[in-house]
């Protein structure tokens, strides 16, 4: 018999990953107000976190200056947690990250999350331009995480190098990953762990097992806490959701082809836009994408929670139509409430 307890969707905190897409025919300046509007919208709907990710040299993503955007979003909201999903630590000196997030946490106390990744968030040539030296970036990641933790700790007050602001502030650190490397490190350091299953699903189960089996309690976290990011495209009908999802498929088709384009509008059919091998590759990357009507999405997300036993879900909704994206997050929020009400009725 399985030891897993079934988790109701109502028991799972749900958050947002916004990639701050640049739409075809638009500019980055057009994207930022839309992200703020989305953050304000999901805050009202009761979402837990609003994260943005560091990407560089990508024509379709406007979140390269992630810490700046976090300040913009936090300044326009009041309760939702705002953070990075994530900051690619090898691109930055740990002291700089400590100071930036110390500043954010001072401006918006109790609302800032610091998610860290070890990937470059770009191509190798751009990584070189960012770092100047990329030879040992991955190997230094554990040391750099611990250095960052030191700068943020109150015990560092007697050090000759201090993060001001930052030192002694409550800034939760998350480790992000798409393999077992980050899971192992998060377990050893006793940190919450977020897996990028929205684009790299292959190692999800292995990473969750490594994390849970090797977790060591820390001052920040007493028990393992795992979050998975998934894609959700929800609409009032399955047909409309499938149509909206073609923008997501086209975005990942660009990734596979190595072509950088702004986010393209949905189409009625992907036929003729990809060949069989490309379709297969995209479907593998987007395995954990839940597309459909409320009933369809509810069933698929519940199955995912049952399968993974994750403690939180983060949702990326790559949609060209901003109104449709707002509606998708409305449907998802309402789904969780419906599950709660239905269960309560059954228990009476």
C-alpha atoms as a PDB file:
ATOM      1  CA  UNK A   1       0.000   0.000   0.000  1.00  0.00           C
ATOM      2  CA  UNK A   2       1.298   3.454  -0.869  1.00  0.00           C
ATOM      3  CA  UNK A   3       2.208   5.708   2.031  1.00  0.00           C
ATOM      4  CA  UNK A   4       1.226   8.782   0.023  1.00  0.00           C
ATOM      5  CA  UNK A   5      -1.816  10.670   1.215  1.00  0.00           C
ATOM      6  CA  UNK A   6      -4.037  12.144  -1.445  1.00  0.00           C
ATOM      7  CA  UNK A   7      -3.692  15.897  -1.477  1.00  0.00           C
ATOM      8  CA  UNK A   8      -6.667  17.967  -2.492  1.00  0.00           C
ATOM      9  CA  UNK A   9      -5.949  20.797  -4.885  1.00  0.00           C
ATOM     10  CA  UNK A  10      -7.401  23.103  -2.244  1.00  0.00           C
ATOM     11  CA  UNK A  11      -4.490  22.107   0.017  1.00  0.00           C
ATOM     12  CA  UNK A  12      -1.792  23.007  -2.502  1.00  0.00           C
ATOM     13  CA  UNK A  13      -0.527  26.609  -2.711  1.00  0.00           C
ATOM     14  CA  UNK A  14      -0.536  27.790  -6.325  1.00  0.00           C
ATOM     15  CA  UNK A  15       1.789  30.429  -7.736  1.00  0.00           C
ATOM     16  CA  UNK A  16       2.701  32.110 -11.020  1.00  0.00           C
ATOM     17  CA  UNK A  17       5.859  32.036 -13.118  1.00  0.00           C
ATOM     18  CA  UNK A  18       5.786  34.954 -15.545  1.00  0.00           C
ATOM     19  CA  UNK A  19       8.396  34.818 -18.300  1.00  0.00           C
ATOM     20  CA  UNK A  20       7.530  38.397 -19.319  1.00  0.00           C
ATOM     21  CA  UNK A  21       7.116  37.476 -22.960  1.00  0.00           C
ATOM     22  CA  UNK A  22       7.577  40.081 -25.666  1.00  0.00           C
ATOM     23  CA  UNK A  23       4.718  39.672 -28.115  1.00  0.00           C
ATOM     24  CA  UNK A  24       5.205  39.634 -31.862  1.00  0.00           C
ATOM     25  CA  UNK A  25       4.996  43.242 -33.039  1.00  0.00           C
ATOM     26  CA  UNK A  26       5.474  44.659 -29.528  1.00  0.00           C
ATOM     27  CA  UNK A  27       8.432  45.730 -27.364  1.00  0.00           C
ATOM     28  CA  UNK A  28       9.695  45.017 -23.863  1.00  0.00           C
ATOM     29  CA  UNK A  29       8.143  48.300 -22.759  1.00  0.00           C
ATOM     30  CA  UNK A  30       4.753  46.866 -23.737  1.00  0.00           C
ATOM     31  CA  UNK A  31       5.342  43.706 -21.703  1.00  0.00           C
ATOM     32  CA  UNK A  32       6.024  45.199 -18.278  1.00  0.00           C
ATOM     33  CA  UNK A  33       2.587  46.799 -17.656  1.00  0.00           C
ATOM     34  CA  UNK A  34       0.962  43.509 -18.701  1.00  0.00           C
ATOM     35  CA  UNK A  35       3.065  41.628 -16.143  1.00  0.00           C
ATOM     36  CA  UNK A  36       2.070  44.089 -13.437  1.00  0.00           C
ATOM     37  CA  UNK A  37      -1.578  43.752 -14.394  1.00  0.00           C
ATOM     38  CA  UNK A  38      -1.234  39.977 -14.215  1.00  0.00           C
ATOM     39  CA  UNK A  39       0.408  40.180 -10.784  1.00  0.00           C
ATOM     40  CA  UNK A  40      -2.358  42.413  -9.460  1.00  0.00           C
ATOM     41  CA  UNK A  41      -4.956  40.060 -10.948  1.00  0.00           C
ATOM     42  CA  UNK A  42      -3.564  36.868  -9.413  1.00  0.00           C
ATOM     43  CA  UNK A  43      -2.984  38.623  -6.080  1.00  0.00           C
ATOM     44  CA  UNK A  44      -6.735  39.259  -5.904  1.00  0.00           C
ATOM     45  CA  UNK A  45      -7.360  35.622  -6.831  1.00  0.00           C
ATOM     46  CA  UNK A  46      -5.284  34.408  -3.887  1.00  0.00           C
ATOM     47  CA  UNK A  47      -2.146  33.100  -5.595  1.00  0.00           C
ATOM     48  CA  UNK A  48       0.825  32.698  -3.259  1.00  0.00           C
ATOM     49  CA  UNK A  49       3.866  33.827  -5.295  1.00  0.00           C
ATOM     50  CA  UNK A  50       4.699  35.713  -8.468  1.00  0.00           C
ATOM     51  CA  UNK A  51       8.123  34.776  -9.778  1.00  0.00           C
ATOM     52  CA  UNK A  52      10.147  35.888 -12.799  1.00  0.00           C
ATOM     53  CA  UNK A  53      13.158  34.188 -14.343  1.00  0.00           C
ATOM     54  CA  UNK A  54      16.516  35.480 -15.517  1.00  0.00           C
ATOM     55  CA  UNK A  55      17.012  35.042 -19.270  1.00  0.00           C
ATOM     56  CA  UNK A  56      19.463  36.814 -21.543  1.00  0.00           C
ATOM     57  CA  UNK A  57      19.800  37.493 -25.264  1.00  0.00           C
ATOM     58  CA  UNK A  58      16.294  36.227 -26.049  1.00  0.00           C
ATOM     59  CA  UNK A  59      14.141  38.306 -28.366  1.00  0.00           C
ATOM     60  CA  UNK A  60      10.940  37.006 -26.821  1.00  0.00           C
ATOM     61  CA  UNK A  61      11.676  37.401 -23.090  1.00  0.00           C
ATOM     62  CA  UNK A  62      12.086  40.720 -21.267  1.00  0.00           C
ATOM     63  CA  UNK A  63      13.147  39.555 -17.781  1.00  0.00           C
ATOM     64  CA  UNK A  64      16.952  39.861 -18.030  1.00  0.00           C
ATOM     65  CA  UNK A  65      17.131  42.443 -15.201  1.00  0.00           C
ATOM     66  CA  UNK A  66      15.141  40.219 -12.860  1.00  0.00           C
ATOM     67  CA  UNK A  67      15.776  42.024  -9.577  1.00  0.00           C
ATOM     68  CA  UNK A  68      14.687  45.328 -11.139  1.00  0.00           C
ATOM     69  CA  UNK A  69      11.438  43.739 -12.292  1.00  0.00           C
ATOM     70  CA  UNK A  70      10.824  42.212  -8.867  1.00  0.00           C
ATOM     71  CA  UNK A  71      10.911  45.718  -7.406  1.00  0.00           C
ATOM     72  CA  UNK A  72       8.502  46.940 -10.092  1.00  0.00           C
ATOM     73  CA  UNK A  73       6.000  44.146  -9.421  1.00  0.00           C
ATOM     74  CA  UNK A  74       6.321  44.287  -5.632  1.00  0.00           C
ATOM     75  CA  UNK A  75       5.811  48.049  -5.729  1.00  0.00           C
ATOM     76  CA  UNK A  76       2.542  47.607  -7.614  1.00  0.00           C
ATOM     77  CA  UNK A  77       1.138  44.874  -5.364  1.00  0.00           C
ATOM     78  CA  UNK A  78       0.634  44.579  -1.636  1.00  0.00           C
ATOM     79  CA  UNK A  79       0.332  40.978  -0.395  1.00  0.00           C
ATOM     80  CA  UNK A  80       1.569  38.440  -2.941  1.00  0.00           C
ATOM     81  CA  UNK A  81       5.136  37.187  -2.529  1.00  0.00           C
ATOM     82  CA  UNK A  82       7.389  38.294  -5.382  1.00  0.00           C
ATOM     83  CA  UNK A  83      10.632  36.619  -6.312  1.00  0.00           C
ATOM     84  CA  UNK A  84      13.020  35.006  -8.740  1.00  0.00           C
ATOM     85  CA  UNK A  85      12.502  31.717 -10.443  1.00  0.00           C
ATOM     86  CA  UNK A  86      15.341  32.198 -10.616  1.00  0.00           C
ATOM     87  CA  UNK A  87      18.439  34.283 -10.375  1.00  0.00           C
ATOM     88  CA  UNK A  88      21.202  32.420 -12.226  1.00  0.00           C
ATOM     89  CA  UNK A  89      23.827  32.696  -9.520  1.00  0.00           C
ATOM     90  CA  UNK A  90      26.902  31.901 -11.658  1.00  0.00           C
ATOM     91  CA  UNK A  91      26.195  35.124 -13.574  1.00  0.00           C
ATOM     92  CA  UNK A  92      26.577  37.243 -10.433  1.00  0.00           C
ATOM     93  CA  UNK A  93      28.819  37.791  -7.452  1.00  0.00           C
ATOM     94  CA  UNK A  94      27.012  36.447  -4.354  1.00  0.00           C
ATOM     95  CA  UNK A  95      27.555  39.762  -2.535  1.00  0.00           C
ATOM     96  CA  UNK A  96      25.750  41.659  -5.303  1.00  0.00           C
ATOM     97  CA  UNK A  97      22.761  39.287  -5.102  1.00  0.00           C
ATOM     98  CA  UNK A  98      22.698  39.636  -1.303  1.00  0.00           C
ATOM     99  CA  UNK A  99      22.665  43.429  -1.602  1.00  0.00           C
ATOM    100  CA  UNK A 100      20.009  43.491  -4.321  1.00  0.00           C
ATOM    101  CA  UNK A 101      17.646  41.181  -2.486  1.00  0.00           C
ATOM    102  CA  UNK A 102      18.465  42.818   0.819  1.00  0.00           C
ATOM    103  CA  UNK A 103      17.317  46.069  -0.732  1.00  0.00           C
ATOM    104  CA  UNK A 104      14.143  44.447  -2.059  1.00  0.00           C
ATOM    105  CA  UNK A 105      13.392  42.817   1.305  1.00  0.00           C
ATOM    106  CA  UNK A 106      13.932  46.156   3.051  1.00  0.00           C
ATOM    107  CA  UNK A 107      11.489  47.866   0.708  1.00  0.00           C
ATOM    108  CA  UNK A 108       8.923  45.041   0.764  1.00  0.00           C
ATOM    109  CA  UNK A 109       9.448  43.137   4.046  1.00  0.00           C
ATOM    110  CA  UNK A 110       8.103  39.613   4.271  1.00  0.00           C
ATOM    111  CA  UNK A 111       7.293  39.429   0.555  1.00  0.00           C
ATOM    112  CA  UNK A 112      10.542  38.617  -1.282  1.00  0.00           C
ATOM    113  CA  UNK A 113      11.683  35.125  -2.380  1.00  0.00           C
ATOM    114  CA  UNK A 114      15.154  34.358  -3.704  1.00  0.00           C
ATOM    115  CA  UNK A 115      15.181  31.394  -6.069  1.00  0.00           C
ATOM    116  CA  UNK A 116      18.634  30.386  -7.331  1.00  0.00           C
ATOM    117  CA  UNK A 117      19.691  28.378 -10.359  1.00  0.00           C
ATOM    118  CA  UNK A 118      23.053  27.330 -11.770  1.00  0.00           C
ATOM    119  CA  UNK A 119      22.231  27.392 -15.499  1.00  0.00           C
ATOM    120  CA  UNK A 120      23.354  30.414 -17.531  1.00  0.00           C
ATOM    121  CA  UNK A 121      19.851  31.327 -18.672  1.00  0.00           C
ATOM    122  CA  UNK A 122      21.269  31.917 -22.133  1.00  0.00           C
ATOM    123  CA  UNK A 123      23.714  30.652 -24.765  1.00  0.00           C
ATOM    124  CA  UNK A 124      27.398  30.097 -24.049  1.00  0.00           C
ATOM    125  CA  UNK A 125      28.611  33.193 -25.893  1.00  0.00           C
ATOM    126  CA  UNK A 126      26.258  35.417 -23.901  1.00  0.00           C
ATOM    127  CA  UNK A 127      27.223  33.620 -20.705  1.00  0.00           C
ATOM    128  CA  UNK A 128      30.825  34.572 -21.424  1.00  0.00           C
ATOM    129  CA  UNK A 129      29.788  38.199 -21.904  1.00  0.00           C
ATOM    130  CA  UNK A 130      27.984  38.095 -18.552  1.00  0.00           C
ATOM    131  CA  UNK A 131      30.588  36.236 -16.524  1.00  0.00           C
ATOM    132  CA  UNK A 132      33.841  36.877 -18.433  1.00  0.00           C
ATOM    133  CA  UNK A 133      34.935  33.403 -17.275  1.00  0.00           C
ATOM    134  CA  UNK A 134      32.604  30.405 -17.414  1.00  0.00           C
ATOM    135  CA  UNK A 135      35.116  27.646 -16.840  1.00  0.00           C
ATOM    136  CA  UNK A 136      34.082  26.602 -13.335  1.00  0.00           C
ATOM    137  CA  UNK A 137      30.654  28.200 -12.976  1.00  0.00           C
ATOM    138  CA  UNK A 138      28.736  24.972 -12.292  1.00  0.00           C
ATOM    139  CA  UNK A 139      31.307  23.570  -9.896  1.00  0.00           C
ATOM    140  CA  UNK A 140      31.334  26.790  -7.874  1.00  0.00           C
ATOM    141  CA  UNK A 141      27.571  26.858  -7.450  1.00  0.00           C
ATOM    142  CA  UNK A 142      27.400  25.099  -4.038  1.00  0.00           C
ATOM    143  CA  UNK A 143      30.162  27.339  -2.670  1.00  0.00           C
ATOM    144  CA  UNK A 144      28.489  30.446  -4.054  1.00  0.00           C
ATOM    145  CA  UNK A 145      25.139  29.488  -2.514  1.00  0.00           C
ATOM    146  CA  UNK A 146      26.782  29.103   0.886  1.00  0.00           C
ATOM    147  CA  UNK A 147      28.647  32.384   0.462  1.00  0.00           C
ATOM    148  CA  UNK A 148      25.340  34.097  -0.288  1.00  0.00           C
ATOM    149  CA  UNK A 149      23.761  32.489   2.772  1.00  0.00           C
ATOM    150  CA  UNK A 150      26.642  33.822   4.868  1.00  0.00           C
ATOM    151  CA  UNK A 151      26.113  37.396   3.641  1.00  0.00           C
ATOM    152  CA  UNK A 152      22.411  37.174   4.517  1.00  0.00           C
ATOM    153  CA  UNK A 153      23.001  35.724   7.978  1.00  0.00           C
ATOM    154  CA  UNK A 154      23.080  37.808  11.156  1.00  0.00           C
ATOM    155  CA  UNK A 155      26.243  35.903  12.162  1.00  0.00           C
ATOM    156  CA  UNK A 156      28.150  37.762   9.450  1.00  0.00           C
ATOM    157  CA  UNK A 157      28.014  41.066  11.348  1.00  0.00           C
ATOM    158  CA  UNK A 158      31.663  40.878  12.402  1.00  0.00           C
ATOM    159  CA  UNK A 159      32.963  40.035   8.936  1.00  0.00           C
ATOM    160  CA  UNK A 160      35.068  42.570   7.019  1.00  0.00           C
ATOM    161  CA  UNK A 161      32.683  42.055   4.041  1.00  0.00           C
ATOM    162  CA  UNK A 162      29.008  42.583   4.793  1.00  0.00           C
ATOM    163  CA  UNK A 163      25.789  42.879   2.781  1.00  0.00           C
ATOM    164  CA  UNK A 164      24.154  46.174   3.723  1.00  0.00           C
ATOM    165  CA  UNK A 165      21.211  45.893   3.365  1.00  0.00           C
ATOM    166  CA  UNK A 166      20.675  42.146   3.425  1.00  0.00           C
ATOM    167  CA  UNK A 167      22.418  40.951   6.532  1.00  0.00           C
ATOM    168  CA  UNK A 168      20.035  39.337   9.028  1.00  0.00           C
ATOM    169  CA  UNK A 169      16.919  39.793   6.893  1.00  0.00           C
ATOM    170  CA  UNK A 170      14.333  37.070   6.391  1.00  0.00           C
ATOM    171  CA  UNK A 171      14.802  36.240   2.709  1.00  0.00           C
ATOM    172  CA  UNK A 172      13.808  32.636   1.951  1.00  0.00           C
ATOM    173  CA  UNK A 173      16.247  30.961  -0.419  1.00  0.00           C
ATOM    174  CA  UNK A 174      14.976  28.334  -2.846  1.00  0.00           C
ATOM    175  CA  UNK A 175      17.128  26.136  -5.054  1.00  0.00           C
ATOM    176  CA  UNK A 176      15.858  25.550  -8.587  1.00  0.00           C
ATOM    177  CA  UNK A 177      16.764  22.761 -10.897  1.00  0.00           C
ATOM    178  CA  UNK A 178      15.974  20.420 -13.760  1.00  0.00           C
ATOM    179  CA  UNK A 179      18.208  17.538 -12.650  1.00  0.00           C
ATOM    180  CA  UNK A 180      19.221  15.702  -9.491  1.00  0.00           C
ATOM    181  CA  UNK A 181      22.170  18.056  -8.886  1.00  0.00           C
ATOM    182  CA  UNK A 182      20.044  20.872  -7.479  1.00  0.00           C
ATOM    183  CA  UNK A 183      17.855  18.397  -5.611  1.00  0.00           C
ATOM    184  CA  UNK A 184      20.882  16.916  -3.839  1.00  0.00           C
ATOM    185  CA  UNK A 185      22.241  20.332  -2.905  1.00  0.00           C
ATOM    186  CA  UNK A 186      18.863  21.581  -1.672  1.00  0.00           C
ATOM    187  CA  UNK A 187      18.562  18.465   0.477  1.00  0.00           C
ATOM    188  CA  UNK A 188      22.037  18.861   1.980  1.00  0.00           C
ATOM    189  CA  UNK A 189      21.501  22.562   2.751  1.00  0.00           C
ATOM    190  CA  UNK A 190      17.952  22.056   4.011  1.00  0.00           C
ATOM    191  CA  UNK A 191      16.369  24.435   1.492  1.00  0.00           C
ATOM    192  CA  UNK A 192      13.058  24.318  -0.384  1.00  0.00           C
ATOM    193  CA  UNK A 193      13.381  22.960  -3.906  1.00  0.00           C
ATOM    194  CA  UNK A 194      11.602  23.942  -7.129  1.00  0.00           C
ATOM    195  CA  UNK A 195      11.766  21.712 -10.208  1.00  0.00           C
ATOM    196  CA  UNK A 196      11.452  23.081 -13.741  1.00  0.00           C
ATOM    197  CA  UNK A 197       9.076  20.437 -15.054  1.00  0.00           C
ATOM    198  CA  UNK A 198       7.430  23.012 -17.341  1.00  0.00           C
ATOM    199  CA  UNK A 199      10.265  22.556 -19.840  1.00  0.00           C
ATOM    200  CA  UNK A 200      12.548  19.764 -18.530  1.00  0.00           C
ATOM    201  CA  UNK A 201      10.298  16.966 -17.234  1.00  0.00           C
ATOM    202  CA  UNK A 202      12.606  13.970 -17.654  1.00  0.00           C
ATOM    203  CA  UNK A 203      14.236  13.975 -14.197  1.00  0.00           C
ATOM    204  CA  UNK A 204      11.268  15.174 -12.136  1.00  0.00           C
ATOM    205  CA  UNK A 205      10.606  11.969 -10.211  1.00  0.00           C
ATOM    206  CA  UNK A 206      14.274  11.145  -9.697  1.00  0.00           C
ATOM    207  CA  UNK A 207      14.967  14.660  -8.416  1.00  0.00           C
ATOM    208  CA  UNK A 208      12.033  14.603  -5.994  1.00  0.00           C
ATOM    209  CA  UNK A 209      13.183  11.254  -4.611  1.00  0.00           C
ATOM    210  CA  UNK A 210      16.783  12.425  -4.179  1.00  0.00           C
ATOM    211  CA  UNK A 211      15.578  15.569  -2.437  1.00  0.00           C
ATOM    212  CA  UNK A 212      13.209  13.823  -0.041  1.00  0.00           C
ATOM    213  CA  UNK A 213      15.503  10.893   0.731  1.00  0.00           C
ATOM    214  CA  UNK A 214      18.504  13.089   1.543  1.00  0.00           C
ATOM    215  CA  UNK A 215      16.897  16.103   3.180  1.00  0.00           C
ATOM    216  CA  UNK A 216      18.642  17.491   6.259  1.00  0.00           C
ATOM    217  CA  UNK A 217      16.712  19.965   8.436  1.00  0.00           C
ATOM    218  CA  UNK A 218      18.061  23.499   8.612  1.00  0.00           C
ATOM    219  CA  UNK A 219      17.262  26.737  10.374  1.00  0.00           C
ATOM    220  CA  UNK A 220      15.168  27.773   7.373  1.00  0.00           C
ATOM    221  CA  UNK A 221      13.313  24.491   6.849  1.00  0.00           C
ATOM    222  CA  UNK A 222      12.573  21.511   9.080  1.00  0.00           C
ATOM    223  CA  UNK A 223      10.999  19.191   6.496  1.00  0.00           C
ATOM    224  CA  UNK A 224      11.445  18.855   2.727  1.00  0.00           C
ATOM    225  CA  UNK A 225       9.306  21.227   0.688  1.00  0.00           C
ATOM    226  CA  UNK A 226       9.100  20.648  -3.054  1.00  0.00           C
ATOM    227  CA  UNK A 227       7.454  22.754  -5.713  1.00  0.00           C
ATOM    228  CA  UNK A 228       7.000  21.836  -9.382  1.00  0.00           C
ATOM    229  CA  UNK A 229       6.378  24.251 -12.221  1.00  0.00           C
ATOM    230  CA  UNK A 230       3.913  23.194 -14.917  1.00  0.00           C
ATOM    231  CA  UNK A 231       2.277  24.791 -17.942  1.00  0.00           C
ATOM    232  CA  UNK A 232      -1.444  25.479 -17.786  1.00  0.00           C
ATOM    233  CA  UNK A 233      -3.570  26.826 -20.620  1.00  0.00           C
ATOM    234  CA  UNK A 234      -7.158  26.892 -19.396  1.00  0.00           C
ATOM    235  CA  UNK A 235     -10.193  28.245 -21.221  1.00  0.00           C
ATOM    236  CA  UNK A 236     -13.937  27.808 -21.096  1.00  0.00           C
ATOM    237  CA  UNK A 237     -13.770  25.030 -23.689  1.00  0.00           C
ATOM    238  CA  UNK A 238     -11.199  22.431 -24.677  1.00  0.00           C
ATOM    239  CA  UNK A 239     -11.186  23.764 -28.235  1.00  0.00           C
ATOM    240  CA  UNK A 240     -10.374  27.326 -27.201  1.00  0.00           C
ATOM    241  CA  UNK A 241      -7.625  26.156 -24.824  1.00  0.00           C
ATOM    242  CA  UNK A 242      -6.063  24.047 -27.573  1.00  0.00           C
ATOM    243  CA  UNK A 243      -6.051  27.036 -29.887  1.00  0.00           C
ATOM    244  CA  UNK A 244      -4.460  29.306 -27.270  1.00  0.00           C
ATOM    245  CA  UNK A 245      -1.813  26.646 -26.547  1.00  0.00           C
ATOM    246  CA  UNK A 246      -0.379  26.911 -30.053  1.00  0.00           C
ATOM    247  CA  UNK A 247       1.549  30.026 -28.962  1.00  0.00           C
ATOM    248  CA  UNK A 248       3.281  27.837 -26.348  1.00  0.00           C
ATOM    249  CA  UNK A 249       4.057  25.162 -28.942  1.00  0.00           C
ATOM    250  CA  UNK A 250       5.431  27.742 -31.353  1.00  0.00           C
ATOM    251  CA  UNK A 251       7.656  29.185 -28.611  1.00  0.00           C
ATOM    252  CA  UNK A 252       9.212  25.792 -27.894  1.00  0.00           C
ATOM    253  CA  UNK A 253       9.504  25.038 -31.581  1.00  0.00           C
ATOM    254  CA  UNK A 254      11.703  28.129 -31.764  1.00  0.00           C
ATOM    255  CA  UNK A 255      13.800  26.736 -28.896  1.00  0.00           C
ATOM    256  CA  UNK A 256      14.308  23.449 -30.718  1.00  0.00           C
ATOM    257  CA  UNK A 257      15.223  25.203 -33.941  1.00  0.00           C
ATOM    258  CA  UNK A 258      17.497  27.678 -32.195  1.00  0.00           C
ATOM    259  CA  UNK A 259      15.562  30.602 -33.610  1.00  0.00           C
ATOM    260  CA  UNK A 260      14.715  33.541 -31.415  1.00  0.00           C
ATOM    261  CA  UNK A 261      11.358  35.157 -32.060  1.00  0.00           C
ATOM    262  CA  UNK A 262       8.894  37.141 -29.982  1.00  0.00           C
ATOM    263  CA  UNK A 263       5.842  35.212 -28.779  1.00  0.00           C
ATOM    264  CA  UNK A 264       3.615  34.518 -31.767  1.00  0.00           C
ATOM    265  CA  UNK A 265      -0.193  34.591 -31.904  1.00  0.00           C
ATOM    266  CA  UNK A 266      -2.223  31.393 -31.740  1.00  0.00           C
ATOM    267  CA  UNK A 267      -3.220  29.530 -34.884  1.00  0.00           C
ATOM    268  CA  UNK A 268      -6.072  27.181 -35.653  1.00  0.00           C
ATOM    269  CA  UNK A 269      -3.707  24.290 -36.326  1.00  0.00           C
ATOM    270  CA  UNK A 270      -0.016  23.465 -36.041  1.00  0.00           C
ATOM    271  CA  UNK A 271      -0.198  21.384 -39.203  1.00  0.00           C
ATOM    272  CA  UNK A 272       2.442  22.564 -41.602  1.00  0.00           C
ATOM    273  CA  UNK A 273       4.321  24.506 -38.927  1.00  0.00           C
ATOM    274  CA  UNK A 274       6.333  21.548 -37.640  1.00  0.00           C
ATOM    275  CA  UNK A 275       7.381  18.124 -38.832  1.00  0.00           C
ATOM    276  CA  UNK A 276       6.882  14.870 -36.968  1.00  0.00           C
ATOM    277  CA  UNK A 277      10.253  14.918 -35.221  1.00  0.00           C
ATOM    278  CA  UNK A 278       9.793  18.517 -34.086  1.00  0.00           C
ATOM    279  CA  UNK A 279       6.311  17.755 -32.806  1.00  0.00           C
ATOM    280  CA  UNK A 280       7.685  14.829 -30.812  1.00  0.00           C
ATOM    281  CA  UNK A 281      10.517  16.914 -29.351  1.00  0.00           C
ATOM    282  CA  UNK A 282       8.143  19.690 -28.298  1.00  0.00           C
ATOM    283  CA  UNK A 283       5.708  17.205 -26.763  1.00  0.00           C
ATOM    284  CA  UNK A 284       8.538  15.661 -24.725  1.00  0.00           C
ATOM    285  CA  UNK A 285       9.607  19.048 -23.354  1.00  0.00           C
ATOM    286  CA  UNK A 286       6.002  20.007 -22.602  1.00  0.00           C
ATOM    287  CA  UNK A 287       4.948  16.721 -21.023  1.00  0.00           C
ATOM    288  CA  UNK A 288       3.579  18.490 -17.968  1.00  0.00           C
ATOM    289  CA  UNK A 289       1.328  20.909 -19.812  1.00  0.00           C
ATOM    290  CA  UNK A 290      -2.326  20.888 -18.860  1.00  0.00           C
ATOM    291  CA  UNK A 291      -4.500  22.314 -21.598  1.00  0.00           C
ATOM    292  CA  UNK A 292      -8.261  22.405 -21.691  1.00  0.00           C
ATOM    293  CA  UNK A 293     -11.545  23.303 -20.092  1.00  0.00           C
ATOM    294  CA  UNK A 294     -11.941  23.557 -16.305  1.00  0.00           C
ATOM    295  CA  UNK A 295     -12.927  19.889 -16.012  1.00  0.00           C
ATOM    296  CA  UNK A 296      -9.995  18.725 -18.148  1.00  0.00           C
ATOM    297  CA  UNK A 297      -7.415  20.825 -16.328  1.00  0.00           C
ATOM    298  CA  UNK A 298      -8.734  19.864 -12.897  1.00  0.00           C
ATOM    299  CA  UNK A 299      -8.456  16.159 -13.667  1.00  0.00           C
ATOM    300  CA  UNK A 300      -4.948  16.451 -15.089  1.00  0.00           C
ATOM    301  CA  UNK A 301      -3.537  18.632 -12.308  1.00  0.00           C
ATOM    302  CA  UNK A 302      -5.033  16.400  -9.614  1.00  0.00           C
ATOM    303  CA  UNK A 303      -3.386  13.403 -11.290  1.00  0.00           C
ATOM    304  CA  UNK A 304      -0.076  15.272 -11.327  1.00  0.00           C
ATOM    305  CA  UNK A 305      -0.345  16.067  -7.607  1.00  0.00           C
ATOM    306  CA  UNK A 306      -1.264  12.458  -6.824  1.00  0.00           C
ATOM    307  CA  UNK A 307       1.712  11.260  -8.864  1.00  0.00           C
ATOM    308  CA  UNK A 308       4.332  13.635  -7.466  1.00  0.00           C
ATOM    309  CA  UNK A 309       3.009  14.577  -3.999  1.00  0.00           C
ATOM    310  CA  UNK A 310       4.452  18.058  -4.478  1.00  0.00           C
ATOM    311  CA  UNK A 311       3.872  20.629  -1.757  1.00  0.00           C
ATOM    312  CA  UNK A 312       3.322  23.553  -4.135  1.00  0.00           C
ATOM    313  CA  UNK A 313       2.562  24.132  -7.800  1.00  0.00           C
ATOM    314  CA  UNK A 314       3.834  27.019  -9.882  1.00  0.00           C
ATOM    315  CA  UNK A 315       2.058  27.723 -13.150  1.00  0.00           C
ATOM    316  CA  UNK A 316       3.412  29.213 -16.348  1.00  0.00           C
ATOM    317  CA  UNK A 317       0.768  30.243 -18.884  1.00  0.00           C
ATOM    318  CA  UNK A 318       2.464  31.146 -22.148  1.00  0.00           C
ATOM    319  CA  UNK A 319      -0.352  32.863 -24.007  1.00  0.00           C
ATOM    320  CA  UNK A 320      -0.300  35.625 -26.610  1.00  0.00           C
ATOM    321  CA  UNK A 321      -3.754  36.949 -25.757  1.00  0.00           C
ATOM    322  CA  UNK A 322      -3.455  38.840 -22.461  1.00  0.00           C
ATOM    323  CA  UNK A 323      -7.185  38.684 -21.723  1.00  0.00           C
ATOM    324  CA  UNK A 324      -7.180  34.938 -22.315  1.00  0.00           C
ATOM    325  CA  UNK A 325      -4.204  34.564 -19.987  1.00  0.00           C
ATOM    326  CA  UNK A 326      -5.995  36.455 -17.225  1.00  0.00           C
ATOM    327  CA  UNK A 327      -8.992  34.187 -17.772  1.00  0.00           C
ATOM    328  CA  UNK A 328      -6.789  31.081 -17.597  1.00  0.00           C
ATOM    329  CA  UNK A 329      -5.558  32.058 -14.138  1.00  0.00           C
ATOM    330  CA  UNK A 330      -9.147  32.842 -13.079  1.00  0.00           C
ATOM    331  CA  UNK A 331     -10.247  29.366 -14.108  1.00  0.00           C
ATOM    332  CA  UNK A 332      -7.369  27.759 -12.250  1.00  0.00           C
ATOM    333  CA  UNK A 333      -8.078  29.724  -9.071  1.00  0.00           C
ATOM    334  CA  UNK A 334     -11.753  28.873  -9.269  1.00  0.00           C
ATOM    335  CA  UNK A 335     -10.944  25.204  -9.777  1.00  0.00           C
ATOM    336  CA  UNK A 336      -9.199  25.063  -6.435  1.00  0.00           C
ATOM    337  CA  UNK A 337     -12.165  26.707  -4.736  1.00  0.00           C
ATOM    338  CA  UNK A 338     -14.556  24.277  -6.426  1.00  0.00           C
ATOM    339  CA  UNK A 339     -12.551  21.316  -5.203  1.00  0.00           C
ATOM    340  CA  UNK A 340     -12.681  22.753  -1.685  1.00  0.00           C
ATOM    341  CA  UNK A 341     -16.431  23.352  -1.790  1.00  0.00           C
ATOM    342  CA  UNK A 342     -17.150  19.933  -3.298  1.00  0.00           C
ATOM    343  CA  UNK A 343     -15.087  18.157  -0.654  1.00  0.00           C
ATOM    344  CA  UNK A 344     -16.724  20.117   2.129  1.00  0.00           C
ATOM    345  CA  UNK A 345     -20.162  19.126   0.843  1.00  0.00           C
ATOM    346  CA  UNK A 346     -19.172  15.506   0.696  1.00  0.00           C
ATOM    347  CA  UNK A 347     -17.872  15.564   4.251  1.00  0.00           C
ATOM    348  CA  UNK A 348     -21.071  17.035   5.704  1.00  0.00           C
END
